[in-house]
Structure formats: C-alpha cells, structure tokens
C-alpha cells in the first residue's frame, strides 16, 4: 500500500501542474477577452463620432491592464492636438490619479496634463503640474521651459527669478538660463522703478550684471538712472560698458552719451569715446557729424557724411545730408525741392521698423527684450541696412 502511494505522488503532481496551467490560461483568455471587449467597444464609439463615450470606455481598460498607459497618454495628446482640451484633461487626470502607475509613467502623464492645462489657459494648475516635474531627471528641462513661459505670460518676475536661481544652483551655470535670469532681474527692476523703489532696482540690476557677463540691458538701465540723477560721470561709465559687453548694442547707448556731452559741453570726450568704440552704423557716424557741427564745421560735416554714406548708405544719413545741403543752398527753388524730398523721406522712415527679431522675423519701431512673437529673450535687435543702422 505504501509503495502504491509513492507511485501515485508523481501522477498527482503532474495532474496539479496541468490543472494549474489550464487555470492560468483561462484567466489570461478571460482578461484578454475583457480587454478586447473594452478596446473594440471604445474604437466603435470613436468611429461612430461619439468621443465622450469612447473616452469613458477606453479609460476602463486601465483597470484591466496597466500596460495600456502609453496608449492612453497618446490618446489624450491626440485630443489636445484636435483642440478637445476637456477630453484630454479627463484622460490624463485619470492616469495621474492611479496609484498603481510606475513613477516614470506617472511623470509622462503629468507632463501631458501640464500641457493640457496650459493650452486651456489654466496656468495655475499647469504651474502645479510642472513644479512636480522639476525633480525629474527626464522631464525637468521641459518643466523649466514651461514654467518660465507661464511666469513670463503672467509677469511674475519674482517667481521666474526664484526658478532660474534654483536651476543654476541645482544644475550649474547655463548660458540660456543665466541670460534669462539677467532679463528677469531687469524686468523686476523696472517694476521697482515704477514703484519709486530705486534702491531695490539698483540691487536687482547689479544682480543682473553678475548673472550674465555679456548682458547689455542692465548697463543701459543703470546709465539711464544715473543720467536722470545728473550723475554724468557714472552714466558715461555705464553706457560705455555696453560697448565693452557687445559692440553691436552700442548704437542704443550713443544718443544718451551725446546727451551727456550736451549737458556737460564735453564734446571732445564724446568724440574720443566714439572713436575708441567705433561701430559701423548710422548712429555712430551721425553722432560724429553732430560733433563737427558743434564746432561750426558744416562743410566738413557734409563731406564726412557723404563719405560715410558711400560706405554704408542709410535713409537716416540721406535725410541728414539733405538737411545740411538745404542750409547751404542759396537758390530757394532748389532748397524747397530738397525740403519736400526730405519730408517724404521722413514720412517713409516713420513707416519702417527699427528693430527685428533674428529668430522669427517680428519687426517694429519699439525695442522688445522679449520678442512678442516667438517669446525669446534678446533676439530683437536694431535693423541693419538701408532702413536701419
């Protein structure tokens, strides 16, 4: 009897293994059947133009198989690109709320949910979503860019500064972040100046100088503050720093330097500054013409300007040259004709933009440090050529 029991043990074990295997297969087939049922039902709703029911049906699939997470993320993104933001939010919110998701899957869903909120205009919710992703190794750059965009839209410069400083502290100096940070300091400094908090503004501008060694904007602002306070020596030093940082921006400082020369009657220092930081542009050679005119040397001023126009023709230079010739003409008819032509040129110049974005091509007569079109910092610059510098 005992021997028989030993003989039956392998048979019982084999039978148990076979039954267990069949049970697993049945469970898998049942699960697959349920998944297929939900999938095809949801697909049918989509094809029948019933997207709301399709969303509800397909969301149920995640209860059955978490491997469909990426499919749901893609589906939500598809709705967002179609402009169906409510449905996109519904799909991605459902994913984020699932505790059983892997951390990487939840981060992917949270990123898409942040994009949904941004497109819907729910900027506070979008901010909360992207703030959660700042510690993500995979998504922190996207989160950083989106948060900067939100703070720029809402003009929350203090939050933008806090974020940029955090990024520099966590990830080291980055040229793009440092450039942004300098602009954020300048924007907040402008706010402080409007509130008559000049001390706070000066502190922020000094931080901007330290944040980006190539930044010209804080030096221009420091120069304007000193000029308003009639601290001409300081103002002259600040505006000269613009040329030291980026000679291409010196044309923005020259008019203020000329004003300092006018106030102090020190045209010799102004001329030396122009010559030592010479920029091939209309603003520079027209300023040199003003120096010659201040000395009463009209003939040489006209000759110098004509020479510069041959090298670098501009509408501004042409208008100034006509003005010089009008003053020297004895014939009234010729002078009137030139005067009419000068007025036409002036009207044409007023219709031409002075600045253009080197990134997207946006143009206008006002200098925007943040391009209104492509939302990039420092890309709007003075136009070169016949209509500009």
Protein backbone atom coordinates (compact mmCIF):
# COMPACT_ATOMS: atom_id res chain seq x y z
CA UNK A 1 0.00 0.00 0.00
CA UNK A 2 2.81 2.39 0.91
CA UNK A 3 4.56 1.62 -2.37
CA UNK A 4 1.37 2.48 -4.24
CA UNK A 5 1.18 5.88 -2.56
CA UNK A 6 4.74 6.66 -3.64
CA UNK A 7 3.86 5.71 -7.20
CA UNK A 8 0.79 7.98 -7.20
CA UNK A 9 2.66 11.08 -5.93
CA UNK A 10 4.28 11.97 -9.32
CA UNK A 11 0.94 11.44 -11.02
CA UNK A 12 -0.79 13.81 -8.57
CA UNK A 13 1.94 16.42 -9.01
CA UNK A 14 1.69 16.22 -12.78
CA UNK A 15 -2.09 16.50 -12.66
CA UNK A 16 -1.85 19.54 -10.39
CA UNK A 17 0.62 21.24 -12.74
CA UNK A 18 -1.61 20.62 -15.76
CA UNK A 19 -4.72 21.92 -13.99
CA UNK A 20 -2.87 24.99 -12.72
CA UNK A 21 -1.57 25.77 -16.17
CA UNK A 22 -5.03 25.46 -17.66
CA UNK A 23 -6.40 27.75 -14.95
CA UNK A 24 -3.80 30.44 -15.74
CA UNK A 25 -4.56 30.17 -19.45
CA UNK A 26 -8.26 30.53 -18.78
CA UNK A 27 -7.63 33.63 -16.64
CA UNK A 28 -5.43 35.14 -19.35
CA UNK A 29 -8.04 34.39 -22.00
CA UNK A 30 -10.72 35.94 -19.81
CA UNK A 31 -8.59 39.04 -19.19
CA UNK A 32 -7.75 39.32 -22.89
CA UNK A 33 -11.42 38.92 -23.73
CA UNK A 34 -12.40 41.74 -21.35
CA UNK A 35 -9.60 43.96 -22.70
CA UNK A 36 -10.60 43.26 -26.29
CA UNK A 37 -14.23 43.92 -25.45
CA UNK A 38 -13.45 47.37 -23.99
CA UNK A 39 -10.98 48.16 -26.76
CA UNK A 40 -13.29 47.36 -29.65
CA UNK A 41 -16.22 49.00 -27.91
CA UNK A 42 -14.21 52.19 -27.46
CA UNK A 43 -12.95 52.03 -31.03
CA UNK A 44 -16.51 51.65 -32.25
CA UNK A 45 -17.55 54.78 -30.34
CA UNK A 46 -14.68 56.72 -31.93
CA UNK A 47 -15.66 55.59 -35.41
CA UNK A 48 -19.29 56.45 -34.66
CA UNK A 49 -18.25 60.01 -33.72
CA UNK A 50 -19.11 59.50 -30.05
CA UNK A 51 -15.79 60.54 -28.46
CA UNK A 52 -17.20 61.13 -24.97
CA UNK A 53 -18.38 57.53 -24.70
CA UNK A 54 -15.13 56.39 -26.30
CA UNK A 55 -13.10 58.16 -23.62
CA UNK A 56 -15.15 56.61 -20.80
CA UNK A 57 -14.88 53.15 -22.33
CA UNK A 58 -11.16 53.25 -23.09
CA UNK A 59 -10.37 54.63 -19.63
CA UNK A 60 -11.87 51.44 -18.16
CA UNK A 61 -9.13 49.47 -19.88
CA UNK A 62 -6.52 50.74 -17.45
CA UNK A 63 -8.29 48.90 -14.64
CA UNK A 64 -7.64 45.72 -16.57
CA UNK A 65 -4.13 46.24 -17.93
CA UNK A 66 -1.73 48.97 -16.84
CA UNK A 67 0.38 48.29 -19.93
CA UNK A 68 -2.07 50.48 -21.84
CA UNK A 69 -0.87 53.64 -20.05
CA UNK A 70 1.18 54.87 -23.01
CA UNK A 71 -1.81 54.31 -25.28
CA UNK A 72 -3.94 56.47 -23.00
CA UNK A 73 -1.29 59.19 -22.91
CA UNK A 74 -1.17 59.20 -26.70
CA UNK A 75 -4.96 59.29 -26.88
CA UNK A 76 -5.10 62.31 -24.56
CA UNK A 77 -2.43 64.09 -26.60
CA UNK A 78 -4.43 63.33 -29.73
CA UNK A 79 -7.48 65.03 -28.21
CA UNK A 80 -5.39 68.05 -27.20
CA UNK A 81 -3.99 68.49 -30.71
CA UNK A 82 -7.54 68.37 -32.04
CA UNK A 83 -8.48 71.16 -29.65
CA UNK A 84 -10.63 68.89 -27.46
CA UNK A 85 -8.93 70.01 -24.25
CA UNK A 86 -11.64 68.81 -21.84
CA UNK A 87 -11.29 65.24 -23.09
CA UNK A 88 -7.50 65.40 -23.00
CA UNK A 89 -7.61 66.62 -19.39
CA UNK A 90 -10.06 63.86 -18.46
CA UNK A 91 -7.80 61.14 -19.86
CA UNK A 92 -4.58 62.46 -18.34
CA UNK A 93 -6.18 63.29 -14.97
CA UNK A 94 -7.41 59.71 -14.74
CA UNK A 95 -3.90 58.42 -15.35
CA UNK A 96 -2.23 60.72 -12.82
CA UNK A 97 -4.72 59.68 -10.13
CA UNK A 98 -3.78 55.99 -10.49
CA UNK A 99 -1.63 54.88 -7.57
CA UNK A 100 -0.55 51.68 -9.33
CA UNK A 101 1.33 53.54 -12.09
CA UNK A 102 5.09 53.31 -12.28
CA UNK A 103 6.86 56.63 -11.40
CA UNK A 104 8.04 57.09 -14.99
CA UNK A 105 4.52 56.51 -16.32
CA UNK A 106 3.03 58.98 -13.87
CA UNK A 107 5.62 61.61 -14.83
CA UNK A 108 4.77 61.18 -18.51
CA UNK A 109 1.06 61.60 -17.76
CA UNK A 110 1.73 64.60 -15.51
CA UNK A 111 3.77 66.28 -18.25
CA UNK A 112 0.93 65.88 -20.74
CA UNK A 113 -1.60 67.09 -18.16
CA UNK A 114 0.51 70.22 -17.68
CA UNK A 115 0.41 70.85 -21.43
CA UNK A 116 -3.37 70.34 -21.36
CA UNK A 117 -3.80 72.93 -18.61
CA UNK A 118 -1.51 75.40 -20.38
CA UNK A 119 -3.43 75.15 -23.64
CA UNK A 120 -6.72 75.51 -21.75
CA UNK A 121 -5.44 78.64 -20.00
CA UNK A 122 -5.45 77.07 -16.52
CA UNK A 123 -1.99 78.45 -15.80
CA UNK A 124 -2.08 77.92 -12.03
CA UNK A 125 -2.89 74.23 -12.49
CA UNK A 126 -0.25 73.96 -15.19
CA UNK A 127 2.28 75.54 -12.85
CA UNK A 128 1.49 72.99 -10.12
CA UNK A 129 1.89 70.13 -12.59
CA UNK A 130 5.26 71.30 -13.91
CA UNK A 131 6.57 72.15 -10.43
CA UNK A 132 6.17 68.46 -9.55
CA UNK A 133 8.40 67.57 -12.51
CA UNK A 134 11.35 69.81 -11.60
CA UNK A 135 12.96 66.95 -9.67
CA UNK A 136 12.51 64.55 -12.58
CA UNK A 137 15.76 63.76 -14.34
CA UNK A 138 13.89 63.13 -17.60
CA UNK A 139 11.39 65.99 -17.59
CA UNK A 140 12.97 68.86 -15.64
CA UNK A 141 14.07 70.74 -18.79
CA UNK A 142 10.54 70.66 -20.24
CA UNK A 143 9.10 71.66 -16.87
CA UNK A 144 11.61 74.51 -16.58
CA UNK A 145 10.78 75.91 -20.02
CA UNK A 146 7.04 75.68 -19.41
CA UNK A 147 7.29 77.38 -16.02
CA UNK A 148 9.40 80.19 -17.50
CA UNK A 149 6.75 80.62 -20.19
CA UNK A 150 3.97 80.78 -17.59
CA UNK A 151 5.79 83.34 -15.43
CA UNK A 152 6.61 85.46 -18.48
CA UNK A 153 2.95 85.43 -19.52
CA UNK A 154 1.74 86.39 -16.04
CA UNK A 155 4.71 88.74 -15.46
CA UNK A 156 5.50 87.04 -12.15
CA UNK A 157 9.15 88.04 -12.30
CA UNK A 158 9.93 87.18 -8.68
CA UNK A 159 8.83 83.58 -9.25
CA UNK A 160 10.78 83.48 -12.50
CA UNK A 161 13.88 84.70 -10.64
CA UNK A 162 13.39 82.09 -7.92
CA UNK A 163 13.10 79.31 -10.50
CA UNK A 164 16.12 80.46 -12.52
CA UNK A 165 18.26 80.76 -9.39
CA UNK A 166 17.18 77.26 -8.37
CA UNK A 167 18.10 75.89 -11.80
CA UNK A 168 21.55 77.50 -11.65
CA UNK A 169 22.10 76.16 -8.13
CA UNK A 170 20.98 72.62 -8.99
CA UNK A 171 22.40 72.23 -12.49
CA UNK A 172 25.23 74.76 -12.67
CA UNK A 173 25.70 77.77 -14.91
CA UNK A 174 23.84 77.53 -18.19
CA UNK A 175 24.19 80.34 -20.73
CA UNK A 176 20.50 80.34 -21.63
CA UNK A 177 19.31 80.27 -18.02
CA UNK A 178 21.82 82.96 -16.99
CA UNK A 179 20.67 85.18 -19.85
CA UNK A 180 17.05 84.70 -18.83
CA UNK A 181 17.89 85.38 -15.20
CA UNK A 182 19.54 88.70 -16.11
CA UNK A 183 16.41 89.74 -18.02
CA UNK A 184 14.18 88.67 -15.11
CA UNK A 185 16.21 90.87 -12.77
CA UNK A 186 15.84 93.78 -15.22
CA UNK A 187 12.09 93.25 -15.52
CA UNK A 188 11.67 93.25 -11.75
CA UNK A 189 13.94 96.31 -11.55
CA UNK A 190 11.57 98.10 -13.95
CA UNK A 191 8.68 97.24 -11.63
CA UNK A 192 10.61 98.62 -8.64
CA UNK A 193 11.41 101.85 -10.52
CA UNK A 194 7.71 102.36 -11.27
CA UNK A 195 7.07 101.93 -7.54
CA UNK A 196 9.79 104.51 -6.73
CA UNK A 197 11.93 101.82 -5.08
CA UNK A 198 15.19 102.90 -6.64
CA UNK A 199 17.39 101.14 -4.09
CA UNK A 200 15.75 97.78 -4.79
CA UNK A 201 16.03 98.42 -8.53
CA UNK A 202 19.76 99.14 -8.32
CA UNK A 203 20.32 95.95 -6.30
CA UNK A 204 18.47 93.91 -8.92
CA UNK A 205 20.42 95.48 -11.77
CA UNK A 206 23.70 94.64 -10.06
CA UNK A 207 22.49 91.04 -9.77
CA UNK A 208 21.70 91.11 -13.48
CA UNK A 209 25.25 92.24 -14.23
CA UNK A 210 26.61 89.37 -12.13
CA UNK A 211 24.25 86.81 -13.66
CA UNK A 212 25.28 87.39 -17.27
CA UNK A 213 28.62 88.99 -18.04
CA UNK A 214 27.55 89.70 -21.64
CA UNK A 215 24.26 91.39 -20.75
CA UNK A 216 23.90 94.96 -22.03
CA UNK A 217 20.41 95.68 -20.75
CA UNK A 218 21.34 96.28 -17.07
CA UNK A 219 24.11 98.70 -18.12
CA UNK A 220 21.67 100.66 -20.27
CA UNK A 221 19.23 100.84 -17.35
CA UNK A 222 21.95 101.83 -14.88
CA UNK A 223 23.06 104.54 -17.30
CA UNK A 224 19.54 105.94 -17.65
CA UNK A 225 19.09 106.06 -13.87
CA UNK A 226 22.40 107.90 -13.42
CA UNK A 227 21.55 110.27 -16.29
CA UNK A 228 18.19 111.13 -14.72
CA UNK A 229 20.03 111.90 -11.48
CA UNK A 230 22.54 114.06 -13.38
CA UNK A 231 25.41 111.80 -12.31
CA UNK A 232 27.05 112.26 -15.68
CA UNK A 233 30.39 110.62 -14.88
CA UNK A 234 28.68 107.44 -13.67
CA UNK A 235 26.25 107.49 -16.57
CA UNK A 236 29.09 107.82 -19.06
CA UNK A 237 30.87 104.84 -17.47
CA UNK A 238 27.71 102.70 -17.52
CA UNK A 239 26.89 103.43 -21.16
CA UNK A 240 30.49 102.75 -22.18
CA UNK A 241 30.16 99.28 -20.61
CA UNK A 242 27.58 98.47 -23.29
CA UNK A 243 30.30 98.65 -25.94
CA UNK A 244 32.60 96.54 -23.75
CA UNK A 245 29.94 93.81 -23.48
CA UNK A 246 28.60 93.83 -27.05
CA UNK A 247 29.61 96.45 -29.62
CA UNK A 248 26.52 95.68 -31.70
CA UNK A 249 24.38 97.30 -29.00
CA UNK A 250 26.46 100.47 -28.68
CA UNK A 251 24.09 102.32 -31.02
CA UNK A 252 21.50 102.18 -28.21
CA UNK A 253 23.88 103.97 -25.85
CA UNK A 254 25.22 106.65 -28.23
CA UNK A 255 22.18 109.01 -28.04
CA UNK A 256 22.44 109.07 -24.24
CA UNK A 257 26.20 109.64 -24.40
CA UNK A 258 25.55 112.53 -26.78
CA UNK A 259 23.05 113.95 -24.31
CA UNK A 260 25.75 113.81 -21.62
CA UNK A 261 28.11 115.71 -23.95
CA UNK A 262 25.37 118.29 -24.50
CA UNK A 263 24.81 118.74 -20.76
CA UNK A 264 28.50 118.88 -19.85
CA UNK A 265 29.66 120.60 -23.05
CA UNK A 266 32.40 117.98 -23.29
CA UNK A 267 32.30 117.05 -26.96
CA UNK A 268 35.96 116.09 -27.04
CA UNK A 269 35.42 113.21 -24.58
CA UNK A 270 32.35 112.15 -26.52
CA UNK A 271 34.34 112.05 -29.77
CA UNK A 272 37.12 110.00 -28.14
CA UNK A 273 34.54 107.55 -26.80
CA UNK A 274 33.02 107.17 -30.26
CA UNK A 275 36.39 106.60 -31.89
CA UNK A 276 37.59 104.10 -29.28
CA UNK A 277 34.35 102.09 -29.51
CA UNK A 278 33.58 102.68 -33.16
CA UNK A 279 30.62 100.79 -34.54
CA UNK A 280 29.92 100.75 -38.26
CA UNK A 281 26.38 102.10 -38.07
CA UNK A 282 24.33 105.20 -38.88
CA UNK A 283 24.02 106.21 -35.22
CA UNK A 284 27.80 106.42 -34.82
CA UNK A 285 28.61 108.41 -37.95
CA UNK A 286 25.63 110.74 -37.45
CA UNK A 287 26.87 111.40 -33.91
CA UNK A 288 30.28 112.27 -35.37
CA UNK A 289 28.53 114.67 -37.76
CA UNK A 290 26.94 116.35 -34.72
CA UNK A 291 30.41 116.77 -33.18
CA UNK A 292 31.63 118.56 -36.32
CA UNK A 293 28.51 120.74 -36.42
CA UNK A 294 29.02 121.73 -32.78
CA UNK A 295 32.41 123.07 -33.85
CA UNK A 296 30.73 125.05 -36.63
CA UNK A 297 32.42 122.96 -39.33
CA UNK A 298 29.36 122.44 -41.56
CA UNK A 299 31.32 121.93 -44.79
CA UNK A 300 33.48 119.16 -43.33
CA UNK A 301 30.41 117.63 -41.67
CA UNK A 302 28.66 117.34 -45.06
CA UNK A 303 31.78 115.95 -46.72
CA UNK A 304 32.31 113.42 -43.91
CA UNK A 305 28.66 112.31 -44.06
CA UNK A 306 28.79 111.90 -47.84
CA UNK A 307 31.87 109.70 -47.47
CA UNK A 308 30.14 107.54 -44.83
CA UNK A 309 27.02 107.20 -46.98
CA UNK A 310 29.11 105.83 -49.83
CA UNK A 311 30.37 103.13 -47.45
CA UNK A 312 27.14 102.49 -45.57
CA UNK A 313 24.05 104.12 -47.14
CA UNK A 314 21.05 104.62 -44.85
CA UNK A 315 17.82 106.60 -45.05
CA UNK A 316 18.73 108.38 -41.82
CA UNK A 317 22.05 109.51 -43.23
CA UNK A 318 20.46 110.62 -46.51
CA UNK A 319 17.86 112.69 -44.63
CA UNK A 320 20.58 114.38 -42.54
CA UNK A 321 22.67 115.12 -45.64
CA UNK A 322 19.70 116.79 -47.34
CA UNK A 323 19.22 118.94 -44.25
CA UNK A 324 22.86 120.08 -44.43
CA UNK A 325 22.56 120.93 -48.13
CA UNK A 326 19.30 122.83 -47.61
CA UNK A 327 21.01 125.10 -45.08
CA UNK A 328 23.79 125.90 -47.57
CA UNK A 329 21.68 126.43 -50.69
CA UNK A 330 21.10 129.95 -51.95
CA UNK A 331 18.56 129.02 -54.59
CA UNK A 332 15.10 128.97 -52.96
CA UNK A 333 13.51 126.68 -55.58
CA UNK A 334 16.18 124.02 -55.18
CA UNK A 335 16.03 124.33 -51.40
CA UNK A 336 12.23 123.91 -51.42
CA UNK A 337 12.52 120.84 -53.64
CA UNK A 338 15.08 119.26 -51.33
CA UNK A 339 12.96 120.16 -48.31
CA UNK A 340 9.96 118.39 -49.85
CA UNK A 341 12.10 115.33 -50.61
CA UNK A 342 13.40 115.36 -47.04
CA UNK A 343 9.84 115.40 -45.67
CA UNK A 344 8.90 112.45 -47.87
CA UNK A 345 11.92 110.51 -46.62
CA UNK A 346 10.96 111.30 -43.01
CA UNK A 347 7.41 110.02 -43.58
CA UNK A 348 8.78 106.88 -45.17
CA UNK A 349 11.12 106.34 -42.22
CA UNK A 350 8.22 106.59 -39.76
CA UNK A 351 6.57 103.65 -41.51
CA UNK A 352 9.68 101.49 -41.37
CA UNK A 353 10.54 99.24 -38.41
CA UNK A 354 13.67 99.96 -36.39
CA UNK A 355 14.06 96.54 -34.78
CA UNK A 356 13.69 92.96 -35.97
CA UNK A 357 13.76 89.59 -34.23
CA UNK A 358 16.61 87.48 -35.54
CA UNK A 359 14.68 84.34 -34.63
CA UNK A 360 11.17 84.76 -36.06
CA UNK A 361 11.36 87.98 -38.10
CA UNK A 362 8.99 90.03 -35.94
CA UNK A 363 9.63 93.75 -36.50
CA UNK A 364 8.55 97.06 -35.02
CA UNK A 365 9.67 100.53 -34.04
CA UNK A 366 9.95 99.66 -30.34
CA UNK A 367 12.69 97.59 -28.72
CA UNK A 368 11.30 94.47 -27.04
CA UNK A 369 13.76 92.49 -24.96
CA UNK A 370 11.28 89.59 -25.03
CA UNK A 371 10.03 89.01 -28.57
CA UNK A 372 6.20 89.27 -28.56
CA UNK A 373 6.02 86.68 -31.32
CA UNK A 374 8.45 83.83 -30.58
CA UNK A 375 8.88 84.65 -26.85
CA UNK A 376 12.67 84.52 -26.99
CA UNK A 377 14.89 86.85 -24.99
CA UNK A 378 17.43 89.19 -26.55
CA UNK A 379 16.67 88.28 -30.17
CA UNK A 380 15.07 91.62 -31.16
CA UNK A 381 17.90 93.85 -32.37
CA UNK A 382 18.43 97.06 -34.37
CA UNK A 383 17.89 96.57 -38.09
CA UNK A 384 20.97 96.87 -40.28
CA UNK A 385 20.98 98.22 -43.82
CA UNK A 386 19.28 101.00 -45.77
CA UNK A 387 16.25 101.28 -43.44
CA UNK A 388 18.21 100.91 -40.22
CA UNK A 389 21.75 101.21 -38.97
